[in-house]
C-alpha atoms as a PDB file:
ATOM      1  CA  MET A   1       0.000   0.000   0.000  1.00  0.00           C
ATOM      2  CA  SER A   2       1.314   3.441  -0.817  1.00  0.00           C
ATOM      3  CA  LYS A   3       0.908   6.529   1.291  1.00  0.00           C
ATOM      4  CA  THR A   4       1.327  10.080   0.078  1.00  0.00           C
ATOM      5  CA  PHE A   5       1.604  13.272   2.094  1.00  0.00           C
ATOM      6  CA  GLN A   6       3.223  16.686   2.102  1.00  0.00           C
ATOM      7  CA  PRO A   7       6.187  16.731   4.526  1.00  0.00           C
ATOM      8  CA  ALA A   8       4.929  20.077   5.897  1.00  0.00           C
ATOM      9  CA  GLU A   9       1.732  18.282   7.016  1.00  0.00           C
ATOM     10  CA  LEU A  10       3.800  16.362   9.540  1.00  0.00           C
ATOM     11  CA  PHE A  11       4.260  19.589  11.499  1.00  0.00           C
ATOM     12  CA  ALA A  12       0.521  20.077  11.957  1.00  0.00           C
ATOM     13  CA  GLY A  13       0.506  17.777  15.002  1.00  0.00           C
ATOM     14  CA  GLU A  14       2.667  17.583  18.076  1.00  0.00           C
ATOM     15  CA  LEU A  15       6.267  16.534  17.599  1.00  0.00           C
ATOM     16  CA  ASP A  16       8.144  14.435  20.135  1.00  0.00           C
ATOM     17  CA  GLU A  17      10.754  16.597  21.870  1.00  0.00           C
ATOM     18  CA  SER A  18      14.130  15.481  23.190  1.00  0.00           C
ATOM     19  CA  LEU A  19      17.776  16.486  23.356  1.00  0.00           C
ATOM     20  CA  LEU A  20      20.178  15.221  20.711  1.00  0.00           C
ATOM     21  CA  GLY A  21      22.614  12.655  22.031  1.00  0.00           C
ATOM     22  CA  PRO A  22      23.703   9.025  21.901  1.00  0.00           C
ATOM     23  CA  PRO A  23      23.020   6.708  20.216  1.00  0.00           C
ATOM     24  CA  LEU A  24      22.125   9.092  17.384  1.00  0.00           C
ATOM     25  CA  ALA A  25      24.936  11.599  17.712  1.00  0.00           C
ATOM     26  CA  GLU A  26      27.539  13.047  20.037  1.00  0.00           C
ATOM     27  CA  VAL A  27      26.901  16.708  20.812  1.00  0.00           C
ATOM     28  CA  LEU A  28      30.078  18.806  20.603  1.00  0.00           C
ATOM     29  CA  GLY A  29      29.076  21.815  22.684  1.00  0.00           C
ATOM     30  CA  ASP A  30      25.801  23.076  24.102  1.00  0.00           C
ATOM     31  CA  GLU A  31      22.707  20.868  24.214  1.00  0.00           C
ATOM     32  CA  ILE A  32      20.731  20.649  20.959  1.00  0.00           C
ATOM     33  CA  PRO A  33      16.926  20.461  21.332  1.00  0.00           C
ATOM     34  CA  THR A  34      15.234  18.290  18.695  1.00  0.00           C
ATOM     35  CA  ARG A  35      11.691  17.459  17.636  1.00  0.00           C
ATOM     36  CA  ILE A  36      10.573  14.495  15.534  1.00  0.00           C
ATOM     37  CA  SER A  37       7.583  12.799  13.935  1.00  0.00           C
ATOM     38  CA  ILE A  38       7.880   9.288  12.439  1.00  0.00           C
ATOM     39  CA  PRO A  39       4.653   8.434  10.604  1.00  0.00           C
ATOM     40  CA  PHE A  40       6.099   5.491   8.664  1.00  0.00           C
ATOM     41  CA  THR A  41       7.959   2.389   9.796  1.00  0.00           C
ATOM     42  CA  SER A  42       8.182  -0.713   7.610  1.00  0.00           C
ATOM     43  CA  ASP A  43       6.763  -3.970   8.949  1.00  0.00           C
ATOM     44  CA  ASP A  44      10.302  -5.285   9.534  1.00  0.00           C
ATOM     45  CA  SER A  45      11.466  -1.935  11.047  1.00  0.00           C
ATOM     46  CA  ARG A  46      14.323  -1.684   8.525  1.00  0.00           C
ATOM     47  CA  ILE A  47      12.975   1.533   7.002  1.00  0.00           C
ATOM     48  CA  LEU A  48      11.457   4.512   8.763  1.00  0.00           C
ATOM     49  CA  SER A  49      10.718   8.031   7.648  1.00  0.00           C
ATOM     50  CA  GLY A  50       9.445  11.277   9.021  1.00  0.00           C
ATOM     51  CA  VAL A  51      10.385  14.847   9.807  1.00  0.00           C
ATOM     52  CA  TRP A  52      13.107  15.996  12.209  1.00  0.00           C
ATOM     53  CA  GLU A  53      13.797  19.478  13.485  1.00  0.00           C
ATOM     54  CA  ALA A  54      16.816  20.671  15.475  1.00  0.00           C
ATOM     55  CA  GLU A  55      18.200  23.898  16.856  1.00  0.00           C
ATOM     56  CA  PRO A  56      21.681  25.185  15.928  1.00  0.00           C
ATOM     57  CA  GLY A  57      24.710  23.339  17.241  1.00  0.00           C
ATOM     58  CA  LEU A  58      27.611  21.062  16.363  1.00  0.00           C
ATOM     59  CA  SER A  59      27.409  17.278  16.577  1.00  0.00           C
ATOM     60  CA  ARG A  60      29.322  14.200  15.443  1.00  0.00           C
ATOM     61  CA  TRP A  61      27.491  11.430  13.567  1.00  0.00           C
ATOM     62  CA  GLU A  62      28.593   7.875  12.813  1.00  0.00           C
ATOM     63  CA  PHE A  63      26.276   5.927  10.530  1.00  0.00           C
ATOM     64  CA  LEU A  64      27.708   2.524  11.401  1.00  0.00           C
ATOM     65  CA  GLU A  65      24.570   0.366  11.328  1.00  0.00           C
ATOM     66  CA  ARG A  66      22.175   2.508   9.329  1.00  0.00           C
ATOM     67  CA  GLY A  67      22.099   5.035   6.516  1.00  0.00           C
ATOM     68  CA  GLU A  68      19.963   8.090   5.935  1.00  0.00           C
ATOM     69  CA  VAL A  69      18.635  10.151   3.042  1.00  0.00           C
ATOM     70  CA  ILE A  70      17.404  13.663   3.843  1.00  0.00           C
ATOM     71  CA  HIS A  71      15.651  16.533   2.096  1.00  0.00           C
ATOM     72  CA  VAL A  72      16.072  19.861   3.890  1.00  0.00           C
ATOM     73  CA  LEU A  73      12.743  21.680   4.206  1.00  0.00           C
ATOM     74  CA  GLU A  74      13.956  24.731   6.158  1.00  0.00           C
ATOM     75  CA  GLY A  75      17.204  26.029   7.601  1.00  0.00           C
ATOM     76  CA  ARG A  76      20.792  25.194   6.847  1.00  0.00           C
ATOM     77  CA  MET A  77      23.693  23.074   8.063  1.00  0.00           C
ATOM     78  CA  VAL A  78      27.217  22.230   7.009  1.00  0.00           C
ATOM     79  CA  VAL A  79      28.095  18.531   6.940  1.00  0.00           C
ATOM     80  CA  THR A  80      31.723  17.459   6.850  1.00  0.00           C
ATOM     81  CA  GLU A  81      32.643  13.832   6.294  1.00  0.00           C
ATOM     82  CA  ASP A  82      35.856  12.770   8.048  1.00  0.00           C
ATOM     83  CA  GLY A  83      38.673  13.600   5.636  1.00  0.00           C
ATOM     84  CA  GLY A  84      36.300  15.430   3.287  1.00  0.00           C
ATOM     85  CA  GLU A  85      35.325  18.966   2.410  1.00  0.00           C
ATOM     86  CA  PRO A  86      32.419  20.809   4.092  1.00  0.00           C
ATOM     87  CA  VAL A  87      29.110  20.663   2.187  1.00  0.00           C
ATOM     88  CA  MET A  88      26.267  23.157   2.735  1.00  0.00           C
ATOM     89  CA  LEU A  89      22.785  21.658   2.937  1.00  0.00           C
ATOM     90  CA  GLU A  90      19.938  24.171   2.937  1.00  0.00           C
ATOM     91  CA  ALA A  91      16.238  24.346   2.131  1.00  0.00           C
ATOM     92  CA  GLY A  92      15.588  22.539  -1.132  1.00  0.00           C
ATOM     93  CA  THR A  93      18.739  20.403  -1.071  1.00  0.00           C
ATOM     94  CA  ALA A  94      19.134  16.714  -0.291  1.00  0.00           C
ATOM     95  CA  GLY A  95      21.876  14.618   1.248  1.00  0.00           C
ATOM     96  CA  PHE A  96      22.789  10.944   1.450  1.00  0.00           C
ATOM     97  CA  PHE A  97      24.643   9.439   4.410  1.00  0.00           C
ATOM     98  CA  PRO A  98      25.499   5.833   3.505  1.00  0.00           C
ATOM     99  CA  ILE A  99      26.261   3.170   6.070  1.00  0.00           C
ATOM    100  CA  GLY A 100      29.826   3.867   7.169  1.00  0.00           C
ATOM    101  CA  TRP A 101      29.593   7.691   6.901  1.00  0.00           C
ATOM    102  CA  ARG A 102      31.334   9.510   9.757  1.00  0.00           C
ATOM    103  CA  GLY A 103      31.615  13.231  10.296  1.00  0.00           C
ATOM    104  CA  THR A 104      30.069  16.367  11.751  1.00  0.00           C
ATOM    105  CA  TRP A 105      26.853  18.297  11.268  1.00  0.00           C
ATOM    106  CA  GLU A 106      26.999  21.997  12.099  1.00  0.00           C
ATOM    107  CA  ILE A 107      23.435  23.261  12.186  1.00  0.00           C
ATOM    108  CA  GLN A 108      23.687  26.983  11.553  1.00  0.00           C
ATOM    109  CA  GLU A 109      19.984  27.814  11.422  1.00  0.00           C
ATOM    110  CA  ARG A 110      17.131  25.738  12.899  1.00  0.00           C
ATOM    111  CA  ILE A 111      16.707  22.879  10.473  1.00  0.00           C
ATOM    112  CA  ARG A 112      13.681  20.844   9.414  1.00  0.00           C
ATOM    113  CA  LYS A 113      14.314  17.829   7.254  1.00  0.00           C
ATOM    114  CA  PHE A 114      12.334  14.991   5.788  1.00  0.00           C
ATOM    115  CA  PHE A 115      14.312  11.771   6.299  1.00  0.00           C
ATOM    116  CA  VAL A 116      14.375   8.114   5.377  1.00  0.00           C
ATOM    117  CA  ILE A 117      16.522   5.869   7.577  1.00  0.00           C
ATOM    118  CA  PHE A 118      17.420   2.400   6.345  1.00  0.00           C
ATOM    119  CA  THR A 119      19.222  -0.608   7.775  1.00  0.00           C
ATOM    120  CA  PRO A 120      20.501  -3.689   5.928  1.00  0.00           C
END
């Protein structure tokens, strides 16, 4: 069965609030408040998607057991893969973090992203 929606619709309801931290990421500075809605999870829990919002801050991410595809809806951040060059992601751009990606996310302006997380 397919399901269609506008990612902005996911903000109409209440989002779950928390602080960024392990196991998702290591915060490198002040706490980073986040909000999330996950309306889709596959029957085997290997794929999930939704919308995530976070306040500015610097964090380290290691996608060791999962990967993620994102589409930035609002805001901007710079992602830097270990050993790589910084890449700006802002509203209207997309990014792919394959399993094995390691690096930092520097959220410069509150970010809202649509995401799909996958595991093998």
